[in-house]
């Protein structure tokens, strides 16, 4: 009796998942059988021919994807948060940016005389998902390293500007705290650099030089590509050099379960972006239209 029911559930798995959306058993059942939802999910999220879904959007809008940790997942909360994020994006322009992008954020603050504060710096981290998505900007102001963390969908943010759109070699740049100040110093009145449309995002391959120890982190034990390792090795002792191999974990690249837990299936990404693609596309079109209107200058009559 149970085997027949289980076989029937395998055939009509999508129906079972919709029938028990709040049941933890159904969520585990869906996560253990990803191959069964491939055809149905792809057919259900097909978009018109002129609006193909691009999976590169997971790099532009990473906050729309759910948390990779399964124990923190909640489909109902994630869908409600995506609706709130789209409403927020209709009120404020949130541009495309990455770790390494130089940005300026204008926010309301009661501690400022003008009730507004504008901070410019380089993005050294971008983390979390949903309404908890945040990023950190760093700049050296008056010879003092300053960092401010912003929530991406914070209602107190009035404007987000991209000054220089580029990527770095690493996913986070916390080692800039121990690097020479010139790598984190940017003028507060820096003019925006306009990148031509449909051009690839430039990658900054700068390798920073660290200051003498002590450091905030044990950077010699990491594999960050943005650090000049030859110079870094001259700043550490022989004992620290001997401890480096002990902290390496080369077996992790063969840990398939760790990679599975840290990734989101492609079918699930397509389903999520199919849900929000039409509204994101309309927001992009309206943004481009408003830019053209602002850039148009009405010709004057000459006598």
C-alpha atoms as a PDB file:
ATOM      1  CA  UNK A   1       0.000   0.000   0.000  1.00  0.00           C
ATOM      2  CA  UNK A   2       2.727   2.448   0.980  1.00  0.00           C
ATOM      3  CA  UNK A   3       4.919   1.539  -2.017  1.00  0.00           C
ATOM      4  CA  UNK A   4       2.058   2.261  -4.429  1.00  0.00           C
ATOM      5  CA  UNK A   5       1.397   5.598  -2.755  1.00  0.00           C
ATOM      6  CA  UNK A   6       5.101   6.479  -2.844  1.00  0.00           C
ATOM      7  CA  UNK A   7       5.264   5.579  -6.558  1.00  0.00           C
ATOM      8  CA  UNK A   8       2.210   7.712  -7.260  1.00  0.00           C
ATOM      9  CA  UNK A   9       3.802  10.610  -5.379  1.00  0.00           C
ATOM     10  CA  UNK A  10       6.896  10.263  -7.525  1.00  0.00           C
ATOM     11  CA  UNK A  11       4.771  10.538 -10.652  1.00  0.00           C
ATOM     12  CA  UNK A  12       2.758  13.496  -9.417  1.00  0.00           C
ATOM     13  CA  UNK A  13       5.387  15.088  -7.196  1.00  0.00           C
ATOM     14  CA  UNK A  14       4.598  18.621  -8.329  1.00  0.00           C
ATOM     15  CA  UNK A  15       0.975  18.152  -7.231  1.00  0.00           C
ATOM     16  CA  UNK A  16       2.039  16.842  -3.819  1.00  0.00           C
ATOM     17  CA  UNK A  17       4.358  19.791  -3.265  1.00  0.00           C
ATOM     18  CA  UNK A  18       1.562  22.265  -4.042  1.00  0.00           C
ATOM     19  CA  UNK A  19      -0.870  20.362  -1.872  1.00  0.00           C
ATOM     20  CA  UNK A  20       1.368  20.638   1.209  1.00  0.00           C
ATOM     21  CA  UNK A  21       3.282  23.915   0.826  1.00  0.00           C
ATOM     22  CA  UNK A  22       3.668  24.410   4.585  1.00  0.00           C
ATOM     23  CA  UNK A  23       4.809  20.905   5.383  1.00  0.00           C
ATOM     24  CA  UNK A  24       8.509  20.389   6.114  1.00  0.00           C
ATOM     25  CA  UNK A  25       8.218  16.890   4.705  1.00  0.00           C
ATOM     26  CA  UNK A  26       7.187  18.264   1.308  1.00  0.00           C
ATOM     27  CA  UNK A  27      10.127  20.660   1.257  1.00  0.00           C
ATOM     28  CA  UNK A  28      12.589  17.885   2.054  1.00  0.00           C
ATOM     29  CA  UNK A  29      10.859  15.696  -0.518  1.00  0.00           C
ATOM     30  CA  UNK A  30      11.317  18.416  -3.162  1.00  0.00           C
ATOM     31  CA  UNK A  31      14.968  18.987  -2.300  1.00  0.00           C
ATOM     32  CA  UNK A  32      15.859  15.292  -2.501  1.00  0.00           C
ATOM     33  CA  UNK A  33      14.355  14.850  -5.962  1.00  0.00           C
ATOM     34  CA  UNK A  34      15.507  17.804  -8.061  1.00  0.00           C
ATOM     35  CA  UNK A  35      15.492  15.831 -11.295  1.00  0.00           C
ATOM     36  CA  UNK A  36      11.733  15.270 -11.132  1.00  0.00           C
ATOM     37  CA  UNK A  37      10.892  18.977 -11.323  1.00  0.00           C
ATOM     38  CA  UNK A  38      13.198  19.812 -14.202  1.00  0.00           C
ATOM     39  CA  UNK A  39      10.768  19.432 -17.108  1.00  0.00           C
ATOM     40  CA  UNK A  40       7.680  20.755 -15.353  1.00  0.00           C
ATOM     41  CA  UNK A  41       9.474  23.744 -13.823  1.00  0.00           C
ATOM     42  CA  UNK A  42      11.154  24.714 -17.074  1.00  0.00           C
ATOM     43  CA  UNK A  43       7.860  24.501 -18.960  1.00  0.00           C
ATOM     44  CA  UNK A  44       6.056  26.539 -16.303  1.00  0.00           C
ATOM     45  CA  UNK A  45       8.608  29.356 -16.324  1.00  0.00           C
ATOM     46  CA  UNK A  46       8.955  29.777 -20.072  1.00  0.00           C
ATOM     47  CA  UNK A  47       9.076  33.418 -21.075  1.00  0.00           C
ATOM     48  CA  UNK A  48       8.174  35.022 -24.387  1.00  0.00           C
ATOM     49  CA  UNK A  49      10.716  34.620 -27.147  1.00  0.00           C
ATOM     50  CA  UNK A  50      11.770  38.266 -27.035  1.00  0.00           C
ATOM     51  CA  UNK A  51      12.413  38.166 -23.265  1.00  0.00           C
ATOM     52  CA  UNK A  52      14.693  35.195 -22.614  1.00  0.00           C
ATOM     53  CA  UNK A  53      15.708  34.596 -19.032  1.00  0.00           C
ATOM     54  CA  UNK A  54      19.454  34.962 -18.553  1.00  0.00           C
ATOM     55  CA  UNK A  55      21.043  33.125 -15.681  1.00  0.00           C
ATOM     56  CA  UNK A  56      23.697  35.862 -15.528  1.00  0.00           C
ATOM     57  CA  UNK A  57      21.097  37.777 -13.511  1.00  0.00           C
ATOM     58  CA  UNK A  58      22.162  35.789 -10.446  1.00  0.00           C
ATOM     59  CA  UNK A  59      25.296  37.965 -10.412  1.00  0.00           C
ATOM     60  CA  UNK A  60      23.377  41.220 -10.966  1.00  0.00           C
ATOM     61  CA  UNK A  61      20.539  40.453  -8.525  1.00  0.00           C
ATOM     62  CA  UNK A  62      22.004  37.915  -6.054  1.00  0.00           C
ATOM     63  CA  UNK A  63      19.631  39.049  -3.289  1.00  0.00           C
ATOM     64  CA  UNK A  64      16.626  37.574  -5.155  1.00  0.00           C
ATOM     65  CA  UNK A  65      18.003  34.063  -4.738  1.00  0.00           C
ATOM     66  CA  UNK A  66      17.185  32.238  -1.475  1.00  0.00           C
ATOM     67  CA  UNK A  67      19.729  31.484   1.191  1.00  0.00           C
ATOM     68  CA  UNK A  68      21.932  28.497   0.254  1.00  0.00           C
ATOM     69  CA  UNK A  69      21.541  27.082   3.782  1.00  0.00           C
ATOM     70  CA  UNK A  70      18.547  24.773   3.646  1.00  0.00           C
ATOM     71  CA  UNK A  71      17.702  25.171   7.346  1.00  0.00           C
ATOM     72  CA  UNK A  72      17.142  28.905   6.785  1.00  0.00           C
ATOM     73  CA  UNK A  73      14.859  28.489   3.792  1.00  0.00           C
ATOM     74  CA  UNK A  74      11.193  29.480   3.810  1.00  0.00           C
ATOM     75  CA  UNK A  75       9.426  29.652   0.402  1.00  0.00           C
ATOM     76  CA  UNK A  76       6.535  31.800   1.641  1.00  0.00           C
ATOM     77  CA  UNK A  77       8.775  34.386   3.309  1.00  0.00           C
ATOM     78  CA  UNK A  78      11.099  34.473   0.282  1.00  0.00           C
ATOM     79  CA  UNK A  79       8.227  35.147  -2.112  1.00  0.00           C
ATOM     80  CA  UNK A  80       6.849  37.946   0.076  1.00  0.00           C
ATOM     81  CA  UNK A  81      10.308  39.482   0.349  1.00  0.00           C
ATOM     82  CA  UNK A  82      10.745  39.414  -3.439  1.00  0.00           C
ATOM     83  CA  UNK A  83       7.497  41.348  -3.810  1.00  0.00           C
ATOM     84  CA  UNK A  84       8.689  43.941  -1.276  1.00  0.00           C
ATOM     85  CA  UNK A  85      12.051  44.242  -3.052  1.00  0.00           C
ATOM     86  CA  UNK A  86      10.358  44.893  -6.390  1.00  0.00           C
ATOM     87  CA  UNK A  87       8.189  47.612  -4.798  1.00  0.00           C
ATOM     88  CA  UNK A  88      11.279  49.206  -3.302  1.00  0.00           C
ATOM     89  CA  UNK A  89      13.082  49.110  -6.653  1.00  0.00           C
ATOM     90  CA  UNK A  90      10.151  50.958  -8.220  1.00  0.00           C
ATOM     91  CA  UNK A  91      10.762  53.821  -5.758  1.00  0.00           C
ATOM     92  CA  UNK A  92      14.554  54.045  -5.929  1.00  0.00           C
ATOM     93  CA  UNK A  93      17.084  53.139  -8.595  1.00  0.00           C
ATOM     94  CA  UNK A  94      19.397  50.387  -7.343  1.00  0.00           C
ATOM     95  CA  UNK A  95      22.149  50.089  -9.955  1.00  0.00           C
ATOM     96  CA  UNK A  96      24.258  47.101 -10.853  1.00  0.00           C
ATOM     97  CA  UNK A  97      27.386  46.786  -8.708  1.00  0.00           C
ATOM     98  CA  UNK A  98      29.909  44.222  -7.538  1.00  0.00           C
ATOM     99  CA  UNK A  99      32.622  43.844  -4.920  1.00  0.00           C
ATOM    100  CA  UNK A 100      35.283  46.329  -5.997  1.00  0.00           C
ATOM    101  CA  UNK A 101      32.847  48.892  -7.391  1.00  0.00           C
ATOM    102  CA  UNK A 102      33.310  52.480  -6.211  1.00  0.00           C
ATOM    103  CA  UNK A 103      29.921  53.761  -5.027  1.00  0.00           C
ATOM    104  CA  UNK A 104      28.306  56.716  -3.302  1.00  0.00           C
ATOM    105  CA  UNK A 105      25.264  56.379  -1.022  1.00  0.00           C
ATOM    106  CA  UNK A 106      23.081  59.268   0.128  1.00  0.00           C
ATOM    107  CA  UNK A 107      20.996  58.459   3.195  1.00  0.00           C
ATOM    108  CA  UNK A 108      18.906  60.274   5.760  1.00  0.00           C
ATOM    109  CA  UNK A 109      20.424  60.621   9.218  1.00  0.00           C
ATOM    110  CA  UNK A 110      19.154  62.594  12.214  1.00  0.00           C
ATOM    111  CA  UNK A 111      22.711  63.294  13.382  1.00  0.00           C
ATOM    112  CA  UNK A 112      23.630  65.467  10.388  1.00  0.00           C
ATOM    113  CA  UNK A 113      22.886  69.182  10.186  1.00  0.00           C
ATOM    114  CA  UNK A 114      21.439  68.790   6.692  1.00  0.00           C
ATOM    115  CA  UNK A 115      19.646  65.545   7.697  1.00  0.00           C
ATOM    116  CA  UNK A 116      21.457  63.833   4.811  1.00  0.00           C
ATOM    117  CA  UNK A 117      24.784  62.065   4.600  1.00  0.00           C
ATOM    118  CA  UNK A 118      26.677  61.107   1.453  1.00  0.00           C
ATOM    119  CA  UNK A 119      29.487  58.588   1.715  1.00  0.00           C
ATOM    120  CA  UNK A 120      31.721  57.440  -1.127  1.00  0.00           C
ATOM    121  CA  UNK A 121      33.896  54.358  -1.002  1.00  0.00           C
ATOM    122  CA  UNK A 122      34.788  51.002  -2.483  1.00  0.00           C
ATOM    123  CA  UNK A 123      32.480  48.035  -1.931  1.00  0.00           C
ATOM    124  CA  UNK A 124      34.449  45.457   0.071  1.00  0.00           C
ATOM    125  CA  UNK A 125      31.612  43.035   0.820  1.00  0.00           C
ATOM    126  CA  UNK A 126      28.182  42.085  -0.421  1.00  0.00           C
ATOM    127  CA  UNK A 127      26.301  39.485   1.597  1.00  0.00           C
ATOM    128  CA  UNK A 128      22.959  37.977   2.638  1.00  0.00           C
ATOM    129  CA  UNK A 129      19.797  37.707   0.595  1.00  0.00           C
ATOM    130  CA  UNK A 130      16.261  39.038   0.519  1.00  0.00           C
ATOM    131  CA  UNK A 131      15.526  42.107   2.590  1.00  0.00           C
ATOM    132  CA  UNK A 132      18.610  41.290   4.685  1.00  0.00           C
ATOM    133  CA  UNK A 133      20.945  41.981   1.742  1.00  0.00           C
ATOM    134  CA  UNK A 134      23.690  44.433   2.666  1.00  0.00           C
ATOM    135  CA  UNK A 135      26.992  45.826   1.439  1.00  0.00           C
ATOM    136  CA  UNK A 136      29.962  47.581   3.046  1.00  0.00           C
ATOM    137  CA  UNK A 137      31.759  50.667   1.691  1.00  0.00           C
ATOM    138  CA  UNK A 138      35.281  51.647   2.733  1.00  0.00           C
ATOM    139  CA  UNK A 139      37.215  54.888   2.313  1.00  0.00           C
ATOM    140  CA  UNK A 140      40.101  56.631   4.054  1.00  0.00           C
ATOM    141  CA  UNK A 141      38.860  60.017   5.301  1.00  0.00           C
ATOM    142  CA  UNK A 142      41.317  62.355   7.075  1.00  0.00           C
ATOM    143  CA  UNK A 143      43.876  59.521   7.334  1.00  0.00           C
ATOM    144  CA  UNK A 144      41.320  57.342   9.113  1.00  0.00           C
ATOM    145  CA  UNK A 145      39.908  54.173   7.587  1.00  0.00           C
ATOM    146  CA  UNK A 146      36.119  54.464   7.593  1.00  0.00           C
ATOM    147  CA  UNK A 147      33.609  51.735   6.775  1.00  0.00           C
ATOM    148  CA  UNK A 148      29.822  51.982   6.624  1.00  0.00           C
ATOM    149  CA  UNK A 149      27.476  49.034   6.233  1.00  0.00           C
ATOM    150  CA  UNK A 150      24.198  49.635   4.374  1.00  0.00           C
ATOM    151  CA  UNK A 151      21.126  47.476   3.938  1.00  0.00           C
ATOM    152  CA  UNK A 152      20.391  47.425   0.225  1.00  0.00           C
ATOM    153  CA  UNK A 153      16.639  47.956   0.715  1.00  0.00           C
ATOM    154  CA  UNK A 154      16.879  50.345   3.657  1.00  0.00           C
ATOM    155  CA  UNK A 155      14.065  52.960   3.304  1.00  0.00           C
ATOM    156  CA  UNK A 156      16.391  55.672   4.680  1.00  0.00           C
ATOM    157  CA  UNK A 157      18.589  55.414   1.571  1.00  0.00           C
ATOM    158  CA  UNK A 158      17.729  58.192  -0.850  1.00  0.00           C
ATOM    159  CA  UNK A 159      20.184  57.539  -3.677  1.00  0.00           C
ATOM    160  CA  UNK A 160      22.766  54.945  -4.729  1.00  0.00           C
ATOM    161  CA  UNK A 161      25.321  56.021  -7.326  1.00  0.00           C
ATOM    162  CA  UNK A 162      27.907  53.923  -9.116  1.00  0.00           C
ATOM    163  CA  UNK A 163      31.047  55.990  -9.617  1.00  0.00           C
ATOM    164  CA  UNK A 164      33.249  53.327 -11.196  1.00  0.00           C
ATOM    165  CA  UNK A 165      31.754  49.976 -12.156  1.00  0.00           C
ATOM    166  CA  UNK A 166      34.340  47.200 -11.937  1.00  0.00           C
ATOM    167  CA  UNK A 167      35.082  43.862 -10.311  1.00  0.00           C
ATOM    168  CA  UNK A 168      37.997  42.592  -8.247  1.00  0.00           C
ATOM    169  CA  UNK A 169      39.717  39.224  -8.162  1.00  0.00           C
ATOM    170  CA  UNK A 170      38.188  38.255  -4.801  1.00  0.00           C
ATOM    171  CA  UNK A 171      34.650  38.014  -3.415  1.00  0.00           C
ATOM    172  CA  UNK A 172      35.504  40.204  -0.420  1.00  0.00           C
ATOM    173  CA  UNK A 173      38.166  42.835   0.190  1.00  0.00           C
ATOM    174  CA  UNK A 174      38.600  42.912   3.952  1.00  0.00           C
ATOM    175  CA  UNK A 175      42.359  42.748   3.470  1.00  0.00           C
ATOM    176  CA  UNK A 176      42.198  46.413   2.434  1.00  0.00           C
ATOM    177  CA  UNK A 177      42.103  47.157   6.173  1.00  0.00           C
ATOM    178  CA  UNK A 178      45.728  45.990   6.389  1.00  0.00           C
ATOM    179  CA  UNK A 179      46.802  47.354   2.990  1.00  0.00           C
ATOM    180  CA  UNK A 180      48.475  50.669   2.311  1.00  0.00           C
ATOM    181  CA  UNK A 181      46.029  53.597   2.568  1.00  0.00           C
ATOM    182  CA  UNK A 182      46.279  54.552  -1.117  1.00  0.00           C
ATOM    183  CA  UNK A 183      44.367  51.408  -2.093  1.00  0.00           C
ATOM    184  CA  UNK A 184      41.313  52.607  -0.116  1.00  0.00           C
ATOM    185  CA  UNK A 185      41.536  56.372  -0.609  1.00  0.00           C
ATOM    186  CA  UNK A 186      39.054  58.018  -2.969  1.00  0.00           C
ATOM    187  CA  UNK A 187      38.062  61.696  -3.196  1.00  0.00           C
ATOM    188  CA  UNK A 188      34.573  62.352  -1.907  1.00  0.00           C
ATOM    189  CA  UNK A 189      33.813  64.546  -4.931  1.00  0.00           C
ATOM    190  CA  UNK A 190      34.905  61.894  -7.436  1.00  0.00           C
ATOM    191  CA  UNK A 191      33.104  62.224 -10.771  1.00  0.00           C
ATOM    192  CA  UNK A 192      31.172  59.216 -12.157  1.00  0.00           C
ATOM    193  CA  UNK A 193      32.820  57.250 -14.945  1.00  0.00           C
ATOM    194  CA  UNK A 194      30.258  56.311 -17.586  1.00  0.00           C
ATOM    195  CA  UNK A 195      30.682  52.808 -18.970  1.00  0.00           C
ATOM    196  CA  UNK A 196      29.312  52.318 -22.525  1.00  0.00           C
ATOM    197  CA  UNK A 197      26.257  50.110 -22.721  1.00  0.00           C
ATOM    198  CA  UNK A 198      26.622  46.397 -23.535  1.00  0.00           C
ATOM    199  CA  UNK A 199      30.322  46.395 -22.661  1.00  0.00           C
ATOM    200  CA  UNK A 200      31.826  43.727 -20.376  1.00  0.00           C
ATOM    201  CA  UNK A 201      32.431  44.666 -16.771  1.00  0.00           C
ATOM    202  CA  UNK A 202      36.137  45.521 -16.336  1.00  0.00           C
ATOM    203  CA  UNK A 203      38.098  43.442 -13.846  1.00  0.00           C
ATOM    204  CA  UNK A 204      40.659  45.248 -11.708  1.00  0.00           C
ATOM    205  CA  UNK A 205      43.667  42.929 -11.272  1.00  0.00           C
ATOM    206  CA  UNK A 206      45.454  45.114  -8.724  1.00  0.00           C
ATOM    207  CA  UNK A 207      47.449  43.209  -6.099  1.00  0.00           C
ATOM    208  CA  UNK A 208      47.667  45.287  -2.943  1.00  0.00           C
ATOM    209  CA  UNK A 209      50.743  45.586  -0.728  1.00  0.00           C
ATOM    210  CA  UNK A 210      50.096  44.969   2.950  1.00  0.00           C
ATOM    211  CA  UNK A 211      51.423  47.044   5.809  1.00  0.00           C
ATOM    212  CA  UNK A 212      53.745  45.445   8.390  1.00  0.00           C
ATOM    213  CA  UNK A 213      52.126  43.255  11.012  1.00  0.00           C
ATOM    214  CA  UNK A 214      50.008  43.118  13.159  1.00  0.00           C
ATOM    215  CA  UNK A 215      47.100  42.456  10.807  1.00  0.00           C
ATOM    216  CA  UNK A 216      43.370  42.103  11.301  1.00  0.00           C
ATOM    217  CA  UNK A 217      43.420  38.633   9.719  1.00  0.00           C
ATOM    218  CA  UNK A 218      45.862  35.840   8.992  1.00  0.00           C
ATOM    219  CA  UNK A 219      46.072  36.652   5.309  1.00  0.00           C
ATOM    220  CA  UNK A 220      49.043  34.329   4.714  1.00  0.00           C
ATOM    221  CA  UNK A 221      46.697  31.370   5.301  1.00  0.00           C
ATOM    222  CA  UNK A 222      44.171  32.488   2.677  1.00  0.00           C
ATOM    223  CA  UNK A 223      44.117  32.185  -1.107  1.00  0.00           C
ATOM    224  CA  UNK A 224      43.145  35.762  -1.942  1.00  0.00           C
ATOM    225  CA  UNK A 225      44.396  36.691  -5.398  1.00  0.00           C
ATOM    226  CA  UNK A 226      44.347  40.432  -4.743  1.00  0.00           C
ATOM    227  CA  UNK A 227      47.269  40.305  -2.286  1.00  0.00           C
ATOM    228  CA  UNK A 228      50.891  40.542  -3.379  1.00  0.00           C
ATOM    229  CA  UNK A 229      52.082  37.293  -1.798  1.00  0.00           C
ATOM    230  CA  UNK A 230      55.760  37.809  -2.565  1.00  0.00           C
ATOM    231  CA  UNK A 231      55.822  40.985  -0.505  1.00  0.00           C
ATOM    232  CA  UNK A 232      53.574  39.451   2.154  1.00  0.00           C
ATOM    233  CA  UNK A 233      56.019  36.568   2.704  1.00  0.00           C
ATOM    234  CA  UNK A 234      58.732  39.060   3.592  1.00  0.00           C
ATOM    235  CA  UNK A 235      56.572  40.381   6.452  1.00  0.00           C
ATOM    236  CA  UNK A 236      55.994  37.100   8.296  1.00  0.00           C
ATOM    237  CA  UNK A 237      58.327  34.900  10.322  1.00  0.00           C
ATOM    238  CA  UNK A 238      59.661  31.470   9.368  1.00  0.00           C
ATOM    239  CA  UNK A 239      57.418  29.876  12.003  1.00  0.00           C
ATOM    240  CA  UNK A 240      54.324  31.377  10.383  1.00  0.00           C
ATOM    241  CA  UNK A 241      55.488  30.139   6.974  1.00  0.00           C
ATOM    242  CA  UNK A 242      55.775  26.580   8.328  1.00  0.00           C
ATOM    243  CA  UNK A 243      52.187  26.738   9.665  1.00  0.00           C
ATOM    244  CA  UNK A 244      50.647  27.653   6.299  1.00  0.00           C
ATOM    245  CA  UNK A 245      50.367  24.052   4.948  1.00  0.00           C
ATOM    246  CA  UNK A 246      48.610  22.943   8.153  1.00  0.00           C
ATOM    247  CA  UNK A 247      45.680  25.267   7.495  1.00  0.00           C
ATOM    248  CA  UNK A 248      45.151  24.418   3.838  1.00  0.00           C
ATOM    249  CA  UNK A 249      42.128  22.300   2.932  1.00  0.00           C
ATOM    250  CA  UNK A 250      42.695  20.994  -0.607  1.00  0.00           C
ATOM    251  CA  UNK A 251      40.106  18.233  -0.135  1.00  0.00           C
ATOM    252  CA  UNK A 252      37.220  20.698  -0.010  1.00  0.00           C
ATOM    253  CA  UNK A 253      37.153  21.036  -3.803  1.00  0.00           C
ATOM    254  CA  UNK A 254      36.199  17.333  -3.935  1.00  0.00           C
ATOM    255  CA  UNK A 255      33.491  17.640  -1.257  1.00  0.00           C
ATOM    256  CA  UNK A 256      30.389  17.323  -3.436  1.00  0.00           C
ATOM    257  CA  UNK A 257      27.962  17.684  -0.528  1.00  0.00           C
ATOM    258  CA  UNK A 258      29.535  20.965   0.546  1.00  0.00           C
ATOM    259  CA  UNK A 259      29.275  22.275  -2.999  1.00  0.00           C
ATOM    260  CA  UNK A 260      25.652  21.088  -3.187  1.00  0.00           C
ATOM    261  CA  UNK A 261      24.733  22.895   0.049  1.00  0.00           C
ATOM    262  CA  UNK A 262      26.445  26.100  -1.079  1.00  0.00           C
ATOM    263  CA  UNK A 263      24.719  26.283  -4.473  1.00  0.00           C
ATOM    264  CA  UNK A 264      21.174  26.687  -5.737  1.00  0.00           C
ATOM    265  CA  UNK A 265      19.951  24.406  -8.567  1.00  0.00           C
ATOM    266  CA  UNK A 266      19.662  25.986 -12.001  1.00  0.00           C
ATOM    267  CA  UNK A 267      16.004  24.969 -12.286  1.00  0.00           C
ATOM    268  CA  UNK A 268      15.198  26.832  -9.073  1.00  0.00           C
ATOM    269  CA  UNK A 269      17.055  29.914 -10.296  1.00  0.00           C
ATOM    270  CA  UNK A 270      15.020  29.907 -13.516  1.00  0.00           C
ATOM    271  CA  UNK A 271      11.783  29.630 -11.558  1.00  0.00           C
ATOM    272  CA  UNK A 272      12.686  32.548  -9.290  1.00  0.00           C
ATOM    273  CA  UNK A 273      13.881  34.878 -12.043  1.00  0.00           C
ATOM    274  CA  UNK A 274      10.850  34.008 -14.192  1.00  0.00           C
ATOM    275  CA  UNK A 275       8.720  35.313 -11.325  1.00  0.00           C
ATOM    276  CA  UNK A 276      10.489  38.693 -11.127  1.00  0.00           C
ATOM    277  CA  UNK A 277      11.890  39.087 -14.646  1.00  0.00           C
ATOM    278  CA  UNK A 278       8.951  40.925 -16.196  1.00  0.00           C
ATOM    279  CA  UNK A 279       8.890  43.597 -13.473  1.00  0.00           C
ATOM    280  CA  UNK A 280      12.686  43.981 -13.475  1.00  0.00           C
ATOM    281  CA  UNK A 281      12.596  44.340 -17.250  1.00  0.00           C
ATOM    282  CA  UNK A 282       9.950  47.055 -17.043  1.00  0.00           C
ATOM    283  CA  UNK A 283      11.979  48.900 -14.396  1.00  0.00           C
ATOM    284  CA  UNK A 284      15.069  48.797 -16.618  1.00  0.00           C
ATOM    285  CA  UNK A 285      13.105  50.152 -19.593  1.00  0.00           C
ATOM    286  CA  UNK A 286      11.616  52.981 -17.542  1.00  0.00           C
ATOM    287  CA  UNK A 287      15.077  53.780 -16.139  1.00  0.00           C
ATOM    288  CA  UNK A 288      16.585  54.018 -19.621  1.00  0.00           C
ATOM    289  CA  UNK A 289      13.653  56.136 -20.805  1.00  0.00           C
ATOM    290  CA  UNK A 290      14.048  58.573 -17.918  1.00  0.00           C
ATOM    291  CA  UNK A 291      17.785  58.849 -18.632  1.00  0.00           C
ATOM    292  CA  UNK A 292      17.090  59.735 -22.261  1.00  0.00           C
ATOM    293  CA  UNK A 293      14.583  62.390 -21.185  1.00  0.00           C
ATOM    294  CA  UNK A 294      17.084  63.949 -18.772  1.00  0.00           C
ATOM    295  CA  UNK A 295      19.872  63.921 -21.367  1.00  0.00           C
ATOM    296  CA  UNK A 296      17.710  65.553 -24.069  1.00  0.00           C
ATOM    297  CA  UNK A 297      18.276  69.274 -24.458  1.00  0.00           C
ATOM    298  CA  UNK A 298      15.640  71.244 -26.317  1.00  0.00           C
ATOM    299  CA  UNK A 299      17.281  73.310 -29.084  1.00  0.00           C
ATOM    300  CA  UNK A 300      16.977  77.062 -28.812  1.00  0.00           C
ATOM    301  CA  UNK A 301      15.753  79.290 -31.598  1.00  0.00           C
ATOM    302  CA  UNK A 302      18.363  81.507 -33.117  1.00  0.00           C
ATOM    303  CA  UNK A 303      17.524  84.873 -34.648  1.00  0.00           C
END
